[in-house]
């Protein structure tokens, strides 16, 4: 997961650096951190979705009926 985040961040930094020759180092650092952490967060949330589905928590929530 971390390697994917690093690769995505590196690609984003290269694309930003190629797009504007007057780019400051602070913008490149912010881009790398933003893209890298976003990829890690998305991966972690999708992992939680799959764990929840495989453990049966989703099926319990689907069969919830309100008692009257």
PDB file of N, CA and C in Angstrom:
ATOM      1  N   UNK A   1       0.819  -1.190   0.000  1.00  0.00           N
ATOM      2  CA  UNK A   1       0.000   0.000   0.000  1.00  0.00           C
ATOM      3  C   UNK A   1       0.864   1.255   0.000  1.00  0.00           C
ATOM      4  N   UNK A   2       1.881   1.220   0.818  1.00  0.00           N
ATOM      5  CA  UNK A   2       2.751   2.390   0.911  1.00  0.00           C
ATOM      6  C   UNK A   2       3.502   2.628  -0.398  1.00  0.00           C
ATOM      7  N   UNK A   3       3.881   1.541  -1.072  1.00  0.00           N
ATOM      8  CA  UNK A   3       4.583   1.706  -2.344  1.00  0.00           C
ATOM      9  C   UNK A   3       3.669   2.318  -3.403  1.00  0.00           C
ATOM     10  N   UNK A   4       2.410   1.943  -3.396  1.00  0.00           N
ATOM     11  CA  UNK A   4       1.453   2.542  -4.320  1.00  0.00           C
ATOM     12  C   UNK A   4       1.290   4.032  -4.038  1.00  0.00           C
ATOM     13  N   UNK A   5       1.203   4.390  -2.770  1.00  0.00           N
ATOM     14  CA  UNK A   5       1.067   5.800  -2.396  1.00  0.00           C
ATOM     15  C   UNK A   5       2.297   6.593  -2.797  1.00  0.00           C
ATOM     16  N   UNK A   6       3.465   6.022  -2.610  1.00  0.00           N
ATOM     17  CA  UNK A   6       4.703   6.706  -2.991  1.00  0.00           C
ATOM     18  C   UNK A   6       4.779   6.875  -4.507  1.00  0.00           C
ATOM     19  N   UNK A   7       4.384   5.836  -5.244  1.00  0.00           N
ATOM     20  CA  UNK A   7       4.415   5.923  -6.706  1.00  0.00           C
ATOM     21  C   UNK A   7       3.430   6.978  -7.216  1.00  0.00           C
ATOM     22  N   UNK A   8       2.233   7.001  -6.672  1.00  0.00           N
ATOM     23  CA  UNK A   8       1.243   8.008  -7.082  1.00  0.00           C
ATOM     24  C   UNK A   8       1.708   9.417  -6.737  1.00  0.00           C
ATOM     25  N   UNK A   9       2.294   9.577  -5.565  1.00  0.00           N
ATOM     26  CA  UNK A   9       2.797  10.893  -5.162  1.00  0.00           C
ATOM     27  C   UNK A   9       3.945  11.335  -6.066  1.00  0.00           C
ATOM     28  N   UNK A  10       4.812  10.408  -6.437  1.00  0.00           N
ATOM     29  CA  UNK A  10       5.934  10.753  -7.313  1.00  0.00           C
ATOM     30  C   UNK A  10       5.435  11.178  -8.696  1.00  0.00           C
ATOM     31  N   UNK A  11       4.454  10.462  -9.215  1.00  0.00           N
ATOM     32  CA  UNK A  11       3.889  10.827 -10.519  1.00  0.00           C
ATOM     33  C   UNK A  11       3.245  12.213 -10.441  1.00  0.00           C
ATOM     34  N   UNK A  12       2.511  12.477  -9.360  1.00  0.00           N
ATOM     35  CA  UNK A  12       1.862  13.774  -9.203  1.00  0.00           C
ATOM     36  C   UNK A  12       2.885  14.905  -9.110  1.00  0.00           C
ATOM     37  N   UNK A  13       3.949  14.685  -8.388  1.00  0.00           N
ATOM     38  CA  UNK A  13       4.993  15.711  -8.256  1.00  0.00           C
ATOM     39  C   UNK A  13       5.653  15.980  -9.602  1.00  0.00           C
ATOM     40  N   UNK A  14       5.932  14.937 -10.359  1.00  0.00           N
ATOM     41  CA  UNK A  14       6.543  15.115 -11.683  1.00  0.00           C
ATOM     42  C   UNK A  14       5.602  15.889 -12.598  1.00  0.00           C
ATOM     43  N   UNK A  15       4.317  15.552 -12.583  1.00  0.00           N
ATOM     44  CA  UNK A  15       3.364  16.251 -13.438  1.00  0.00           C
ATOM     45  C   UNK A  15       3.222  17.720 -13.044  1.00  0.00           C
ATOM     46  N   UNK A  16       3.207  17.997 -11.752  1.00  0.00           N
ATOM     47  CA  UNK A  16       3.108  19.389 -11.306  1.00  0.00           C
ATOM     48  C   UNK A  16       4.376  20.157 -11.666  1.00  0.00           C
ATOM     49  N   UNK A  17       5.522  19.538 -11.492  1.00  0.00           N
ATOM     50  CA  UNK A  17       6.791  20.208 -11.799  1.00  0.00           C
ATOM     51  C   UNK A  17       6.938  20.471 -13.300  1.00  0.00           C
ATOM     52  N   UNK A  18       6.440  19.560 -14.118  1.00  0.00           N
ATOM     53  CA  UNK A  18       6.538  19.762 -15.571  1.00  0.00           C
ATOM     54  C   UNK A  18       5.553  20.811 -16.060  1.00  0.00           C
ATOM     55  N   UNK A  19       4.443  20.983 -15.352  1.00  0.00           N
ATOM     56  CA  UNK A  19       3.414  21.908 -15.795  1.00  0.00           C
ATOM     57  C   UNK A  19       3.766  23.365 -15.601  1.00  0.00           C
ATOM     58  N   UNK A  20       4.513  23.670 -14.562  1.00  0.00           N
ATOM     59  CA  UNK A  20       4.839  25.062 -14.257  1.00  0.00           C
ATOM     60  C   UNK A  20       6.314  25.146 -13.869  1.00  0.00           C
ATOM     61  N   UNK A  21       7.133  25.821 -14.667  1.00  0.00           N
ATOM     62  CA  UNK A  21       8.565  25.881 -14.357  1.00  0.00           C
ATOM     63  C   UNK A  21       8.895  26.738 -13.133  1.00  0.00           C
ATOM     64  N   UNK A  22       7.966  27.558 -12.667  1.00  0.00           N
ATOM     65  CA  UNK A  22       8.235  28.406 -11.505  1.00  0.00           C
ATOM     66  C   UNK A  22       7.669  27.815 -10.217  1.00  0.00           C
ATOM     67  N   UNK A  23       7.485  26.505 -10.191  1.00  0.00           N
ATOM     68  CA  UNK A  23       6.917  25.847  -9.028  1.00  0.00           C
ATOM     69  C   UNK A  23       7.910  25.867  -7.867  1.00  0.00           C
ATOM     70  N   UNK A  24       7.414  26.226  -6.682  1.00  0.00           N
ATOM     71  CA  UNK A  24       8.254  26.244  -5.491  1.00  0.00           C
ATOM     72  C   UNK A  24       8.289  24.862  -4.848  1.00  0.00           C
ATOM     73  N   UNK A  25       9.327  24.639  -4.072  1.00  0.00           N
ATOM     74  CA  UNK A  25       9.497  23.344  -3.423  1.00  0.00           C
ATOM     75  C   UNK A  25       8.367  23.068  -2.425  1.00  0.00           C
ATOM     76  N   UNK A  26       7.807  24.120  -1.844  1.00  0.00           N
ATOM     77  CA  UNK A  26       6.711  23.932  -0.887  1.00  0.00           C
ATOM     78  C   UNK A  26       5.475  23.341  -1.563  1.00  0.00           C
ATOM     79  N   UNK A  27       5.229  23.755  -2.780  1.00  0.00           N
ATOM     80  CA  UNK A  27       4.085  23.207  -3.506  1.00  0.00           C
ATOM     81  C   UNK A  27       4.312  21.740  -3.859  1.00  0.00           C
ATOM     82  N   UNK A  28       5.528  21.384  -4.193  1.00  0.00           N
ATOM     83  CA  UNK A  28       5.833  19.995  -4.512  1.00  0.00           C
ATOM     84  C   UNK A  28       5.705  19.105  -3.281  1.00  0.00           C
ATOM     85  N   UNK A  29       6.135  19.609  -2.129  1.00  0.00           N
ATOM     86  CA  UNK A  29       6.005  18.850  -0.885  1.00  0.00           C
ATOM     87  C   UNK A  29       4.533  18.682  -0.519  1.00  0.00           C
ATOM     88  N   UNK A  30       3.761  19.751  -0.657  1.00  0.00           N
ATOM     89  CA  UNK A  30       2.329  19.674  -0.352  1.00  0.00           C
ATOM     90  C   UNK A  30       1.619  18.715  -1.296  1.00  0.00           C
ATOM     91  N   UNK A  31       2.001  18.722  -2.566  1.00  0.00           N
ATOM     92  CA  UNK A  31       1.405  17.798  -3.529  1.00  0.00           C
ATOM     93  C   UNK A  31       1.720  16.354  -3.168  1.00  0.00           C
ATOM     94  N   UNK A  32       2.973  16.092  -2.846  1.00  0.00           N
ATOM     95  CA  UNK A  32       3.380  14.730  -2.492  1.00  0.00           C
ATOM     96  C   UNK A  32       2.652  14.247  -1.245  1.00  0.00           C
ATOM     97  N   UNK A  33       2.574  15.092  -0.223  1.00  0.00           N
ATOM     98  CA  UNK A  33       1.881  14.691   1.006  1.00  0.00           C
ATOM     99  C   UNK A  33       0.380  14.521   0.776  1.00  0.00           C
ATOM    100  N   UNK A  34      -0.211  15.430   0.037  1.00  0.00           N
ATOM    101  CA  UNK A  34      -1.647  15.357  -0.214  1.00  0.00           C
ATOM    102  C   UNK A  34      -2.033  14.117  -0.993  1.00  0.00           C
ATOM    103  N   UNK A  35      -1.332  13.852  -2.072  1.00  0.00           N
ATOM    104  CA  UNK A  35      -1.648  12.682  -2.895  1.00  0.00           C
ATOM    105  C   UNK A  35      -1.324  11.395  -2.145  1.00  0.00           C
ATOM    106  N   UNK A  36      -0.181  11.346  -1.499  1.00  0.00           N
ATOM    107  CA  UNK A  36       0.210  10.133  -0.774  1.00  0.00           C
ATOM    108  C   UNK A  36      -0.748   9.789   0.352  1.00  0.00           C
ATOM    109  N   UNK A  37      -1.109  10.771   1.154  1.00  0.00           N
ATOM    110  CA  UNK A  37      -2.025  10.498   2.263  1.00  0.00           C
ATOM    111  C   UNK A  37      -3.435  10.184   1.780  1.00  0.00           C
ATOM    112  N   UNK A  38      -3.850  10.793   0.680  1.00  0.00           N
ATOM    113  CA  UNK A  38      -5.168  10.492   0.126  1.00  0.00           C
ATOM    114  C   UNK A  38      -5.232   9.055  -0.377  1.00  0.00           C
ATOM    115  N   UNK A  39      -4.187   8.591  -1.036  1.00  0.00           N
ATOM    116  CA  UNK A  39      -4.154   7.205  -1.501  1.00  0.00           C
ATOM    117  C   UNK A  39      -4.153   6.250  -0.321  1.00  0.00           C
ATOM    118  N   UNK A  40      -3.381   6.552   0.720  1.00  0.00           N
ATOM    119  CA  UNK A  40      -3.364   5.694   1.905  1.00  0.00           C
ATOM    120  C   UNK A  40      -4.727   5.659   2.600  1.00  0.00           C
ATOM    121  N   UNK A  41      -5.370   6.805   2.718  1.00  0.00           N
ATOM    122  CA  UNK A  41      -6.688   6.857   3.352  1.00  0.00           C
ATOM    123  C   UNK A  41      -7.717   6.085   2.546  1.00  0.00           C
ATOM    124  N   UNK A  42      -7.723   6.263   1.239  1.00  0.00           N
ATOM    125  CA  UNK A  42      -8.662   5.528   0.393  1.00  0.00           C
ATOM    126  C   UNK A  42      -8.449   4.024   0.478  1.00  0.00           C
ATOM    127  N   UNK A  43      -7.193   3.602   0.495  1.00  0.00           N
ATOM    128  CA  UNK A  43      -6.881   2.182   0.614  1.00  0.00           C
ATOM    129  C   UNK A  43      -7.327   1.630   1.960  1.00  0.00           C
ATOM    130  N   UNK A  44      -7.100   2.384   3.018  1.00  0.00           N
ATOM    131  CA  UNK A  44      -7.511   1.931   4.352  1.00  0.00           C
ATOM    132  C   UNK A  44      -9.031   1.821   4.458  1.00  0.00           C
ATOM    133  N   UNK A  45      -9.753   2.782   3.905  1.00  0.00           N
ATOM    134  CA  UNK A  45     -11.216   2.732   3.975  1.00  0.00           C
ATOM    135  C   UNK A  45     -11.774   1.583   3.143  1.00  0.00           C
ATOM    136  N   UNK A  46     -11.216   1.332   1.982  1.00  0.00           N
ATOM    137  CA  UNK A  46     -11.686   0.205   1.176  1.00  0.00           C
ATOM    138  C   UNK A  46     -11.368  -1.122   1.858  1.00  0.00           C
ATOM    139  N   UNK A  47     -10.234  -1.198   2.543  1.00  0.00           N
ATOM    140  CA  UNK A  47      -9.902  -2.400   3.304  1.00  0.00           C
ATOM    141  C   UNK A  47     -10.925  -2.631   4.406  1.00  0.00           C
ATOM    142  N   UNK A  48     -11.331  -1.566   5.080  1.00  0.00           N
ATOM    143  CA  UNK A  48     -12.356  -1.705   6.119  1.00  0.00           C
ATOM    144  C   UNK A  48     -13.692  -2.156   5.549  1.00  0.00           C
ATOM    145  N   UNK A  49     -14.036  -1.712   4.353  1.00  0.00           N
ATOM    146  CA  UNK A  49     -15.274  -2.156   3.709  1.00  0.00           C
ATOM    147  C   UNK A  49     -15.221  -3.657   3.447  1.00  0.00           C
ATOM    148  N   UNK A  50     -14.115  -4.153   2.929  1.00  0.00           N
ATOM    149  CA  UNK A  50     -14.000  -5.575   2.638  1.00  0.00           C
ATOM    150  C   UNK A  50     -13.961  -6.407   3.914  1.00  0.00           C
ATOM    151  N   UNK A  51     -13.301  -5.923   4.955  1.00  0.00           N
ATOM    152  CA  UNK A  51     -13.277  -6.644   6.230  1.00  0.00           C
ATOM    153  C   UNK A  51     -14.668  -6.693   6.837  1.00  0.00           C
ATOM    154  N   UNK A  52     -15.389  -5.591   6.779  1.00  0.00           N
ATOM    155  CA  UNK A  52     -16.749  -5.547   7.313  1.00  0.00           C
ATOM    156  C   UNK A  52     -17.657  -6.497   6.552  1.00  0.00           C
ATOM    157  N   UNK A  53     -17.502  -6.563   5.249  1.00  0.00           N
ATOM    158  CA  UNK A  53     -18.340  -7.444   4.443  1.00  0.00           C
ATOM    159  C   UNK A  53     -18.029  -8.907   4.739  1.00  0.00           C
ATOM    160  N   UNK A  54     -16.770  -9.256   4.858  1.00  0.00           N
ATOM    161  CA  UNK A  54     -16.404 -10.651   5.077  1.00  0.00           C
ATOM    162  C   UNK A  54     -16.690 -11.121   6.500  1.00  0.00           C
ATOM    163  N   UNK A  55     -16.772 -10.206   7.461  1.00  0.00           N
ATOM    164  CA  UNK A  55     -17.033 -10.612   8.838  1.00  0.00           C
ATOM    165  C   UNK A  55     -18.518 -10.747   9.143  1.00  0.00           C
ATOM    166  N   UNK A  56     -19.390 -10.301   8.242  1.00  0.00           N
ATOM    167  CA  UNK A  56     -20.822 -10.467   8.433  1.00  0.00           C
ATOM    168  C   UNK A  56     -21.527  -9.272   9.039  1.00  0.00           C
ATOM    169  N   UNK A  57     -20.816  -8.194   9.306  1.00  0.00           N
ATOM    170  CA  UNK A  57     -21.454  -7.016   9.896  1.00  0.00           C
ATOM    171  C   UNK A  57     -22.448  -6.368   8.938  1.00  0.00           C
ATOM    172  N   UNK A  58     -22.169  -6.454   7.645  1.00  0.00           N
ATOM    173  CA  UNK A  58     -23.061  -5.837   6.665  1.00  0.00           C
ATOM    174  C   UNK A  58     -24.387  -6.586   6.575  1.00  0.00           C
ATOM    175  N   UNK A  59     -24.341  -7.898   6.668  1.00  0.00           N
ATOM    176  CA  UNK A  59     -25.585  -8.659   6.566  1.00  0.00           C
ATOM    177  C   UNK A  59     -26.466  -8.441   7.795  1.00  0.00           C
ATOM    178  N   UNK A  60     -25.851  -8.235   8.950  1.00  0.00           N
ATOM    179  CA  UNK A  60     -26.632  -7.934  10.150  1.00  0.00           C
ATOM    180  C   UNK A  60     -27.336  -6.591  10.019  1.00  0.00           C
ATOM    181  N   UNK A  61     -26.689  -5.627   9.432  1.00  0.00           N
ATOM    182  CA  UNK A  61     -27.297  -4.292   9.268  1.00  0.00           C
ATOM    183  C   UNK A  61     -28.399  -4.318   8.213  1.00  0.00           C
ATOM    184  N   UNK A  62     -28.267  -5.189   7.223  1.00  0.00           N
ATOM    185  CA  UNK A  62     -29.263  -5.262   6.155  1.00  0.00           C
ATOM    186  C   UNK A  62     -30.570  -5.878   6.656  1.00  0.00           C
ATOM    187  N   UNK A  63     -30.516  -6.716   7.682  1.00  0.00           N
ATOM    188  CA  UNK A  63     -31.704  -7.392   8.186  1.00  0.00           C
ATOM    189  C   UNK A  63     -32.292  -6.703   9.406  1.00  0.00           C
ATOM    190  N   UNK A  64     -31.882  -5.489   9.640  1.00  0.00           N
ATOM    191  CA  UNK A  64     -32.388  -4.739  10.799  1.00  0.00           C
ATOM    192  C   UNK A  64     -33.811  -4.295  10.527  1.00  0.00           C
ATOM    193  N   UNK A  65     -34.706  -4.611  11.458  1.00  0.00           N
ATOM    194  CA  UNK A  65     -36.101  -4.156  11.357  1.00  0.00           C
ATOM    195  C   UNK A  65     -36.468  -3.485  12.660  1.00  0.00           C
ATOM    196  N   UNK A  66     -37.119  -2.384  12.532  1.00  0.00           N
ATOM    197  CA  UNK A  66     -37.505  -1.612  13.711  1.00  0.00           C
ATOM    198  C   UNK A  66     -38.696  -2.283  14.396  1.00  0.00           C
ATOM    199  N   UNK A  67     -38.582  -2.477  15.699  1.00  0.00           N
ATOM    200  CA  UNK A  67     -39.679  -3.082  16.447  1.00  0.00           C
ATOM    201  C   UNK A  67     -40.720  -2.046  16.770  1.00  0.00           C
ATOM    202  N   UNK A  68     -41.989  -2.426  16.620  1.00  0.00           N
ATOM    203  CA  UNK A  68     -43.066  -1.466  16.882  1.00  0.00           C
ATOM    204  C   UNK A  68     -43.728  -1.735  18.215  1.00  0.00           C
TER     205      UNK A  68
END
